[in-house]
Amino acid sequence: MSEEITSPKLSRAQVARIAKQGKYKVGKNAIDIIAEQAESYIKGLAEDAAKLSQHAGRVMIRGDDVMFVLNLGTEPEEPVVE
């Protein structure tokens, strides 16, 4: 029973501001492609984090769910003792 919620697209002005941080100019079509890819990445990240949240019996995605996905589920490394 999953409903896809449609939301506004990422602001092209914000994407352009982020993309134009260097000395290079960024064309409108490049901004559109960057925005599309960013939206896709964010959607996939949220979907994966939602699966973890659901597995834990929660309906809210927490920051640790997102971090787990970003770290690909790896445990933090043990500190090296010299």
PDB file of N, CA and C in Angstrom:
ATOM      1  N   MET A   1       0.807  -1.191   0.000  1.00  0.00           N
ATOM      2  CA  MET A   1       0.000   0.000   0.000  1.00  0.00           C
ATOM      3  C   MET A   1       0.849   1.254   0.000  1.00  0.00           C
ATOM      4  N   SER A   2       1.924   1.215  -0.667  1.00  0.00           N
ATOM      5  CA  SER A   2       2.822   2.354  -0.716  1.00  0.00           C
ATOM      6  C   SER A   2       2.322   3.357  -1.742  1.00  0.00           C
ATOM      7  N   GLU A   3       2.097   4.575  -1.287  1.00  0.00           N
ATOM      8  CA  GLU A   3       1.696   5.635  -2.190  1.00  0.00           C
ATOM      9  C   GLU A   3       2.905   6.495  -2.494  1.00  0.00           C
ATOM     10  N   GLU A   4       3.084   6.799  -3.743  1.00  0.00           N
ATOM     11  CA  GLU A   4       4.180   7.691  -4.089  1.00  0.00           C
ATOM     12  C   GLU A   4       3.699   9.115  -3.912  1.00  0.00           C
ATOM     13  N   ILE A   5       4.432   9.845  -3.103  1.00  0.00           N
ATOM     14  CA  ILE A   5       4.088  11.233  -2.849  1.00  0.00           C
ATOM     15  C   ILE A   5       4.907  12.086  -3.798  1.00  0.00           C
ATOM     16  N   THR A   6       4.222  12.914  -4.556  1.00  0.00           N
ATOM     17  CA  THR A   6       4.949  13.795  -5.457  1.00  0.00           C
ATOM     18  C   THR A   6       5.192  15.102  -4.734  1.00  0.00           C
ATOM     19  N   SER A   7       6.376  15.582  -4.850  1.00  0.00           N
ATOM     20  CA  SER A   7       6.734  16.829  -4.201  1.00  0.00           C
ATOM     21  C   SER A   7       7.393  17.738  -5.220  1.00  0.00           C
ATOM     22  N   PRO A   8       7.521  18.986  -4.872  1.00  0.00           N
ATOM     23  CA  PRO A   8       8.166  19.902  -5.822  1.00  0.00           C
ATOM     24  C   PRO A   8       9.578  19.437  -6.161  1.00  0.00           C
ATOM     25  N   LYS A   9       9.984  19.745  -7.354  1.00  0.00           N
ATOM     26  CA  LYS A   9      11.347  19.432  -7.786  1.00  0.00           C
ATOM     27  C   LYS A   9      12.315  20.306  -7.005  1.00  0.00           C
ATOM     28  N   LEU A  10      13.571  19.880  -6.982  1.00  0.00           N
ATOM     29  CA  LEU A  10      14.590  20.714  -6.360  1.00  0.00           C
ATOM     30  C   LEU A  10      14.631  22.062  -7.081  1.00  0.00           C
ATOM     31  N   SER A  11      14.839  23.088  -6.332  1.00  0.00           N
ATOM     32  CA  SER A  11      14.922  24.420  -6.909  1.00  0.00           C
ATOM     33  C   SER A  11      16.142  24.497  -7.827  1.00  0.00           C
ATOM     34  N   ARG A  12      15.899  24.817  -9.088  1.00  0.00           N
ATOM     35  CA  ARG A  12      17.005  24.928 -10.038  1.00  0.00           C
ATOM     36  C   ARG A  12      17.943  26.059  -9.623  1.00  0.00           C
ATOM     37  N   ALA A  13      17.388  27.112  -9.003  1.00  0.00           N
ATOM     38  CA  ALA A  13      18.231  28.222  -8.554  1.00  0.00           C
ATOM     39  C   ALA A  13      19.197  27.752  -7.471  1.00  0.00           C
ATOM     40  N   GLN A  14      18.723  26.926  -6.552  1.00  0.00           N
ATOM     41  CA  GLN A  14      19.596  26.416  -5.497  1.00  0.00           C
ATOM     42  C   GLN A  14      20.647  25.464  -6.066  1.00  0.00           C
ATOM     43  N   VAL A  15      20.232  24.625  -6.993  1.00  0.00           N
ATOM     44  CA  VAL A  15      21.183  23.709  -7.630  1.00  0.00           C
ATOM     45  C   VAL A  15      22.247  24.514  -8.365  1.00  0.00           C
ATOM     46  N   ALA A  16      21.837  25.550  -9.077  1.00  0.00           N
ATOM     47  CA  ALA A  16      22.786  26.388  -9.809  1.00  0.00           C
ATOM     48  C   ALA A  16      23.749  27.076  -8.848  1.00  0.00           C
ATOM     49  N   ARG A  17      23.243  27.558  -7.717  1.00  0.00           N
ATOM     50  CA  ARG A  17      24.101  28.217  -6.726  1.00  0.00           C
ATOM     51  C   ARG A  17      25.169  27.267  -6.219  1.00  0.00           C
ATOM     52  N   ILE A  18      24.783  26.032  -5.949  1.00  0.00           N
ATOM     53  CA  ILE A  18      25.737  25.032  -5.460  1.00  0.00           C
ATOM     54  C   ILE A  18      26.727  24.652  -6.563  1.00  0.00           C
ATOM     55  N   ALA A  19      26.222  24.447  -7.770  1.00  0.00           N
ATOM     56  CA  ALA A  19      27.069  23.997  -8.879  1.00  0.00           C
ATOM     57  C   ALA A  19      28.060  25.070  -9.329  1.00  0.00           C
ATOM     58  N   LYS A  20      27.711  26.317  -9.174  1.00  0.00           N
ATOM     59  CA  LYS A  20      28.551  27.413  -9.678  1.00  0.00           C
ATOM     60  C   LYS A  20      29.535  27.924  -8.631  1.00  0.00           C
ATOM     61  N   GLN A  21      29.942  27.090  -7.718  1.00  0.00           N
ATOM     62  CA  GLN A  21      30.836  27.526  -6.651  1.00  0.00           C
ATOM     63  C   GLN A  21      32.272  27.732  -7.125  1.00  0.00           C
ATOM     64  N   GLY A  22      32.598  27.194  -8.249  1.00  0.00           N
ATOM     65  CA  GLY A  22      33.967  27.333  -8.747  1.00  0.00           C
ATOM     66  C   GLY A  22      34.062  28.442  -9.766  1.00  0.00           C
ATOM     67  N   LYS A  23      35.116  28.406 -10.557  1.00  0.00           N
ATOM     68  CA  LYS A  23      35.337  29.443 -11.573  1.00  0.00           C
ATOM     69  C   LYS A  23      34.608  29.138 -12.880  1.00  0.00           C
ATOM     70  N   TYR A  24      33.950  27.976 -12.959  1.00  0.00           N
ATOM     71  CA  TYR A  24      33.305  27.563 -14.201  1.00  0.00           C
ATOM     72  C   TYR A  24      31.849  28.020 -14.263  1.00  0.00           C
ATOM     73  N   LYS A  25      31.411  28.286 -15.461  1.00  0.00           N
ATOM     74  CA  LYS A  25      29.998  28.572 -15.700  1.00  0.00           C
ATOM     75  C   LYS A  25      29.302  27.235 -15.885  1.00  0.00           C
ATOM     76  N   VAL A  26      28.033  27.169 -15.529  1.00  0.00           N
ATOM     77  CA  VAL A  26      27.285  25.922 -15.640  1.00  0.00           C
ATOM     78  C   VAL A  26      26.045  26.208 -16.481  1.00  0.00           C
ATOM     79  N   GLY A  27      25.916  25.461 -17.584  1.00  0.00           N
ATOM     80  CA  GLY A  27      24.784  25.652 -18.481  1.00  0.00           C
ATOM     81  C   GLY A  27      23.473  25.169 -17.883  1.00  0.00           C
ATOM     82  N   LYS A  28      22.366  25.697 -18.419  1.00  0.00           N
ATOM     83  CA  LYS A  28      21.038  25.328 -17.919  1.00  0.00           C
ATOM     84  C   LYS A  28      20.784  23.834 -18.033  1.00  0.00           C
ATOM     85  N   ASN A  29      21.200  23.232 -19.150  1.00  0.00           N
ATOM     86  CA  ASN A  29      20.960  21.796 -19.297  1.00  0.00           C
ATOM     87  C   ASN A  29      21.785  20.998 -18.297  1.00  0.00           C
ATOM     88  N   ALA A  30      22.986  21.479 -17.971  1.00  0.00           N
ATOM     89  CA  ALA A  30      23.804  20.805 -16.965  1.00  0.00           C
ATOM     90  C   ALA A  30      23.150  20.907 -15.591  1.00  0.00           C
ATOM     91  N   ILE A  31      22.588  22.076 -15.278  1.00  0.00           N
ATOM     92  CA  ILE A  31      21.894  22.255 -14.003  1.00  0.00           C
ATOM     93  C   ILE A  31      20.704  21.311 -13.915  1.00  0.00           C
ATOM     94  N   ASP A  32      19.961  21.178 -15.011  1.00  0.00           N
ATOM     95  CA  ASP A  32      18.819  20.254 -15.025  1.00  0.00           C
ATOM     96  C   ASP A  32      19.260  18.816 -14.780  1.00  0.00           C
ATOM     97  N   ILE A  33      20.362  18.411 -15.400  1.00  0.00           N
ATOM     98  CA  ILE A  33      20.862  17.048 -15.226  1.00  0.00           C
ATOM     99  C   ILE A  33      21.349  16.834 -13.801  1.00  0.00           C
ATOM    100  N   ILE A  34      22.084  17.808 -13.259  1.00  0.00           N
ATOM    101  CA  ILE A  34      22.557  17.699 -11.873  1.00  0.00           C
ATOM    102  C   ILE A  34      21.364  17.591 -10.929  1.00  0.00           C
ATOM    103  N   ALA A  35      20.349  18.414 -11.132  1.00  0.00           N
ATOM    104  CA  ALA A  35      19.157  18.388 -10.271  1.00  0.00           C
ATOM    105  C   ALA A  35      18.446  17.039 -10.362  1.00  0.00           C
ATOM    106  N   GLU A  36      18.299  16.524 -11.585  1.00  0.00           N
ATOM    107  CA  GLU A  36      17.659  15.207 -11.770  1.00  0.00           C
ATOM    108  C   GLU A  36      18.404  14.114 -11.021  1.00  0.00           C
ATOM    109  N   GLN A  37      19.720  14.113 -11.153  1.00  0.00           N
ATOM    110  CA  GLN A  37      20.535  13.093 -10.499  1.00  0.00           C
ATOM    111  C   GLN A  37      20.489  13.240  -8.982  1.00  0.00           C
ATOM    112  N   ALA A  38      20.498  14.466  -8.497  1.00  0.00           N
ATOM    113  CA  ALA A  38      20.413  14.702  -7.053  1.00  0.00           C
ATOM    114  C   ALA A  38      19.074  14.209  -6.513  1.00  0.00           C
ATOM    115  N   GLU A  39      17.993  14.496  -7.225  1.00  0.00           N
ATOM    116  CA  GLU A  39      16.668  14.038  -6.811  1.00  0.00           C
ATOM    117  C   GLU A  39      16.620  12.516  -6.757  1.00  0.00           C
ATOM    118  N   SER A  40      17.176  11.870  -7.758  1.00  0.00           N
ATOM    119  CA  SER A  40      17.195  10.412  -7.806  1.00  0.00           C
ATOM    120  C   SER A  40      17.998   9.839  -6.643  1.00  0.00           C
ATOM    121  N   TYR A  41      19.144  10.436  -6.360  1.00  0.00           N
ATOM    122  CA  TYR A  41      19.993   9.981  -5.264  1.00  0.00           C
ATOM    123  C   TYR A  41      19.273  10.131  -3.925  1.00  0.00           C
ATOM    124  N   ILE A  42      18.660  11.286  -3.708  1.00  0.00           N
ATOM    125  CA  ILE A  42      17.958  11.534  -2.452  1.00  0.00           C
ATOM    126  C   ILE A  42      16.784  10.568  -2.287  1.00  0.00           C
ATOM    127  N   LYS A  43      16.057  10.326  -3.349  1.00  0.00           N
ATOM    128  CA  LYS A  43      14.922   9.404  -3.289  1.00  0.00           C
ATOM    129  C   LYS A  43      15.398   8.006  -2.915  1.00  0.00           C
ATOM    130  N   GLY A  44      16.466   7.526  -3.549  1.00  0.00           N
ATOM    131  CA  GLY A  44      16.992   6.195  -3.251  1.00  0.00           C
ATOM    132  C   GLY A  44      17.509   6.098  -1.824  1.00  0.00           C
ATOM    133  N   LEU A  45      18.185   7.135  -1.365  1.00  0.00           N
ATOM    134  CA  LEU A  45      18.695   7.167   0.001  1.00  0.00           C
ATOM    135  C   LEU A  45      17.541   7.094   0.995  1.00  0.00           C
ATOM    136  N   ALA A  46      16.504   7.877   0.757  1.00  0.00           N
ATOM    137  CA  ALA A  46      15.338   7.875   1.648  1.00  0.00           C
ATOM    138  C   ALA A  46      14.623   6.523   1.626  1.00  0.00           C
ATOM    139  N   GLU A  47      14.516   5.899   0.462  1.00  0.00           N
ATOM    140  CA  GLU A  47      13.863   4.588   0.368  1.00  0.00           C
ATOM    141  C   GLU A  47      14.641   3.538   1.148  1.00  0.00           C
ATOM    142  N   ASP A  48      15.962   3.543   1.027  1.00  0.00           N
ATOM    143  CA  ASP A  48      16.780   2.573   1.754  1.00  0.00           C
ATOM    144  C   ASP A  48      16.702   2.817   3.260  1.00  0.00           C
ATOM    145  N   ALA A  49      16.728   4.083   3.667  1.00  0.00           N
ATOM    146  CA  ALA A  49      16.620   4.407   5.090  1.00  0.00           C
ATOM    147  C   ALA A  49      15.237   4.020   5.629  1.00  0.00           C
ATOM    148  N   ALA A  50      14.211   4.173   4.803  1.00  0.00           N
ATOM    149  CA  ALA A  50      12.855   3.793   5.218  1.00  0.00           C
ATOM    150  C   ALA A  50      12.764   2.292   5.470  1.00  0.00           C
ATOM    151  N   LYS A  51      13.457   1.498   4.664  1.00  0.00           N
ATOM    152  CA  LYS A  51      13.466   0.048   4.877  1.00  0.00           C
ATOM    153  C   LYS A  51      14.067  -0.295   6.234  1.00  0.00           C
ATOM    154  N   LEU A  52      15.138   0.394   6.606  1.00  0.00           N
ATOM    155  CA  LEU A  52      15.754   0.163   7.916  1.00  0.00           C
ATOM    156  C   LEU A  52      14.809   0.568   9.033  1.00  0.00           C
ATOM    157  N   SER A  53      14.159   1.695   8.865  1.00  0.00           N
ATOM    158  CA  SER A  53      13.207   2.178   9.863  1.00  0.00           C
ATOM    159  C   SER A  53      12.061   1.187  10.035  1.00  0.00           C
ATOM    160  N   GLN A  54      11.536   0.700   8.924  1.00  0.00           N
ATOM    161  CA  GLN A  54      10.441  -0.270   8.968  1.00  0.00           C
ATOM    162  C   GLN A  54      10.904  -1.555   9.642  1.00  0.00           C
ATOM    163  N   HIS A  55      12.097  -2.009   9.332  1.00  0.00           N
ATOM    164  CA  HIS A  55      12.651  -3.215   9.937  1.00  0.00           C
ATOM    165  C   HIS A  55      12.751  -3.060  11.460  1.00  0.00           C
ATOM    166  N   ALA A  56      13.039  -1.839  11.910  1.00  0.00           N
ATOM    167  CA  ALA A  56      13.159  -1.566  13.341  1.00  0.00           C
ATOM    168  C   ALA A  56      11.798  -1.304  13.989  1.00  0.00           C
ATOM    169  N   GLY A  57      10.727  -1.380  13.207  1.00  0.00           N
ATOM    170  CA  GLY A  57       9.388  -1.186  13.742  1.00  0.00           C
ATOM    171  C   GLY A  57       9.016   0.280  13.944  1.00  0.00           C
ATOM    172  N   ARG A  58       9.684   1.160  13.226  1.00  0.00           N
ATOM    173  CA  ARG A  58       9.407   2.586  13.336  1.00  0.00           C
ATOM    174  C   ARG A  58       8.780   3.098  12.056  1.00  0.00           C
ATOM    175  N   VAL A  59       8.052   4.205  12.187  1.00  0.00           N
ATOM    176  CA  VAL A  59       7.481   4.846  11.008  1.00  0.00           C
ATOM    177  C   VAL A  59       8.244   6.114  10.642  1.00  0.00           C
ATOM    178  N   MET A  60       9.206   6.494  11.469  1.00  0.00           N
ATOM    179  CA  MET A  60      10.006   7.686  11.202  1.00  0.00           C
ATOM    180  C   MET A  60      11.441   7.295  10.864  1.00  0.00           C
ATOM    181  N   ILE A  61      11.948   7.876   9.796  1.00  0.00           N
ATOM    182  CA  ILE A  61      13.353   7.679   9.436  1.00  0.00           C
ATOM    183  C   ILE A  61      14.189   8.556  10.362  1.00  0.00           C
ATOM    184  N   ARG A  62      15.176   7.960  10.969  1.00  0.00           N
ATOM    185  CA  ARG A  62      16.069   8.701  11.868  1.00  0.00           C
ATOM    186  C   ARG A  62      17.409   8.924  11.184  1.00  0.00           C
ATOM    187  N   GLY A  63      18.161   9.826  11.746  1.00  0.00           N
ATOM    188  CA  GLY A  63      19.479  10.140  11.197  1.00  0.00           C
ATOM    189  C   GLY A  63      20.385   8.927  11.163  1.00  0.00           C
ATOM    190  N   ASP A  64      20.278   8.064  12.180  1.00  0.00           N
ATOM    191  CA  ASP A  64      21.142   6.883  12.185  1.00  0.00           C
ATOM    192  C   ASP A  64      20.774   5.904  11.079  1.00  0.00           C
ATOM    193  N   ASP A  65      19.518   5.901  10.641  1.00  0.00           N
ATOM    194  CA  ASP A  65      19.130   5.072   9.496  1.00  0.00           C
ATOM    195  C   ASP A  65      19.849   5.567   8.241  1.00  0.00           C
ATOM    196  N   VAL A  66      19.831   6.878   8.064  1.00  0.00           N
ATOM    197  CA  VAL A  66      20.474   7.480   6.893  1.00  0.00           C
ATOM    198  C   VAL A  66      21.976   7.241   6.939  1.00  0.00           C
ATOM    199  N   MET A  67      22.580   7.451   8.108  1.00  0.00           N
ATOM    200  CA  MET A  67      24.025   7.241   8.236  1.00  0.00           C
ATOM    201  C   MET A  67      24.398   5.781   7.984  1.00  0.00           C
ATOM    202  N   PHE A  68      23.567   4.853   8.440  1.00  0.00           N
ATOM    203  CA  PHE A  68      23.822   3.434   8.196  1.00  0.00           C
ATOM    204  C   PHE A  68      23.852   3.158   6.699  1.00  0.00           C
ATOM    205  N   VAL A  69      22.875   3.710   5.978  1.00  0.00           N
ATOM    206  CA  VAL A  69      22.835   3.527   4.522  1.00  0.00           C
ATOM    207  C   VAL A  69      24.068   4.165   3.879  1.00  0.00           C
ATOM    208  N   LEU A  70      24.417   5.364   4.295  1.00  0.00           N
ATOM    209  CA  LEU A  70      25.573   6.045   3.714  1.00  0.00           C
ATOM    210  C   LEU A  70      26.874   5.290   3.968  1.00  0.00           C
ATOM    211  N   ASN A  71      26.970   4.663   5.116  1.00  0.00           N
ATOM    212  CA  ASN A  71      28.170   3.892   5.453  1.00  0.00           C
ATOM    213  C   ASN A  71      28.071   2.454   4.975  1.00  0.00           C
ATOM    214  N   LEU A  72      27.015   2.149   4.226  1.00  0.00           N
ATOM    215  CA  LEU A  72      26.785   0.816   3.677  1.00  0.00           C
ATOM    216  C   LEU A  72      26.768  -0.252   4.760  1.00  0.00           C
ATOM    217  N   GLY A  73      26.310   0.148   5.932  1.00  0.00           N
ATOM    218  CA  GLY A  73      26.138  -0.822   6.998  1.00  0.00           C
ATOM    219  C   GLY A  73      27.420  -1.263   7.664  1.00  0.00           C
ATOM    220  N   THR A  74      28.497  -0.547   7.440  1.00  0.00           N
ATOM    221  CA  THR A  74      29.754  -0.956   8.058  1.00  0.00           C
ATOM    222  C   THR A  74      29.808  -0.458   9.488  1.00  0.00           C
ATOM    223  N   GLU A  75      30.387  -1.244  10.323  1.00  0.00           N
ATOM    224  CA  GLU A  75      30.577  -0.849  11.710  1.00  0.00           C
ATOM    225  C   GLU A  75      31.746   0.123  11.778  1.00  0.00           C
ATOM    226  N   PRO A  76      31.706   1.052  12.732  1.00  0.00           N
ATOM    227  CA  PRO A  76      32.852   1.962  12.872  1.00  0.00           C
ATOM    228  C   PRO A  76      34.116   1.168  13.169  1.00  0.00           C
ATOM    229  N   GLU A  77      35.214   1.624  12.615  1.00  0.00           N
ATOM    230  CA  GLU A  77      36.474   0.932  12.838  1.00  0.00           C
ATOM    231  C   GLU A  77      36.936   1.147  14.270  1.00  0.00           C
ATOM    232  N   GLU A  78      37.585   0.122  14.800  1.00  0.00           N
ATOM    233  CA  GLU A  78      38.157   0.229  16.131  1.00  0.00           C
ATOM    234  C   GLU A  78      39.364   1.153  16.076  1.00  0.00           C
ATOM    235  N   PRO A  79      39.548   1.980  17.094  1.00  0.00           N
ATOM    236  CA  PRO A  79      40.736   2.849  17.074  1.00  0.00           C
ATOM    237  C   PRO A  79      42.003   2.033  17.154  1.00  0.00           C
ATOM    238  N   VAL A  80      43.008   2.496  16.483  1.00  0.00           N
ATOM    239  CA  VAL A  80      44.298   1.808  16.480  1.00  0.00           C
ATOM    240  C   VAL A  80      45.040   2.178  17.756  1.00  0.00           C
ATOM    241  N   VAL A  81      45.440   1.165  18.524  1.00  0.00           N
ATOM    242  CA  VAL A  81      46.179   1.386  19.747  1.00  0.00           C
ATOM    243  C   VAL A  81      47.644   1.166  19.449  1.00  0.00           C
ATOM    244  N   GLU A  82      48.444   2.163  19.738  1.00  0.00           N
ATOM    245  CA  GLU A  82      49.879   2.040  19.444  1.00  0.00           C
ATOM    246  C   GLU A  82      50.642   1.691  20.694  1.00  0.00           C
TER     247      GLU A  82
END
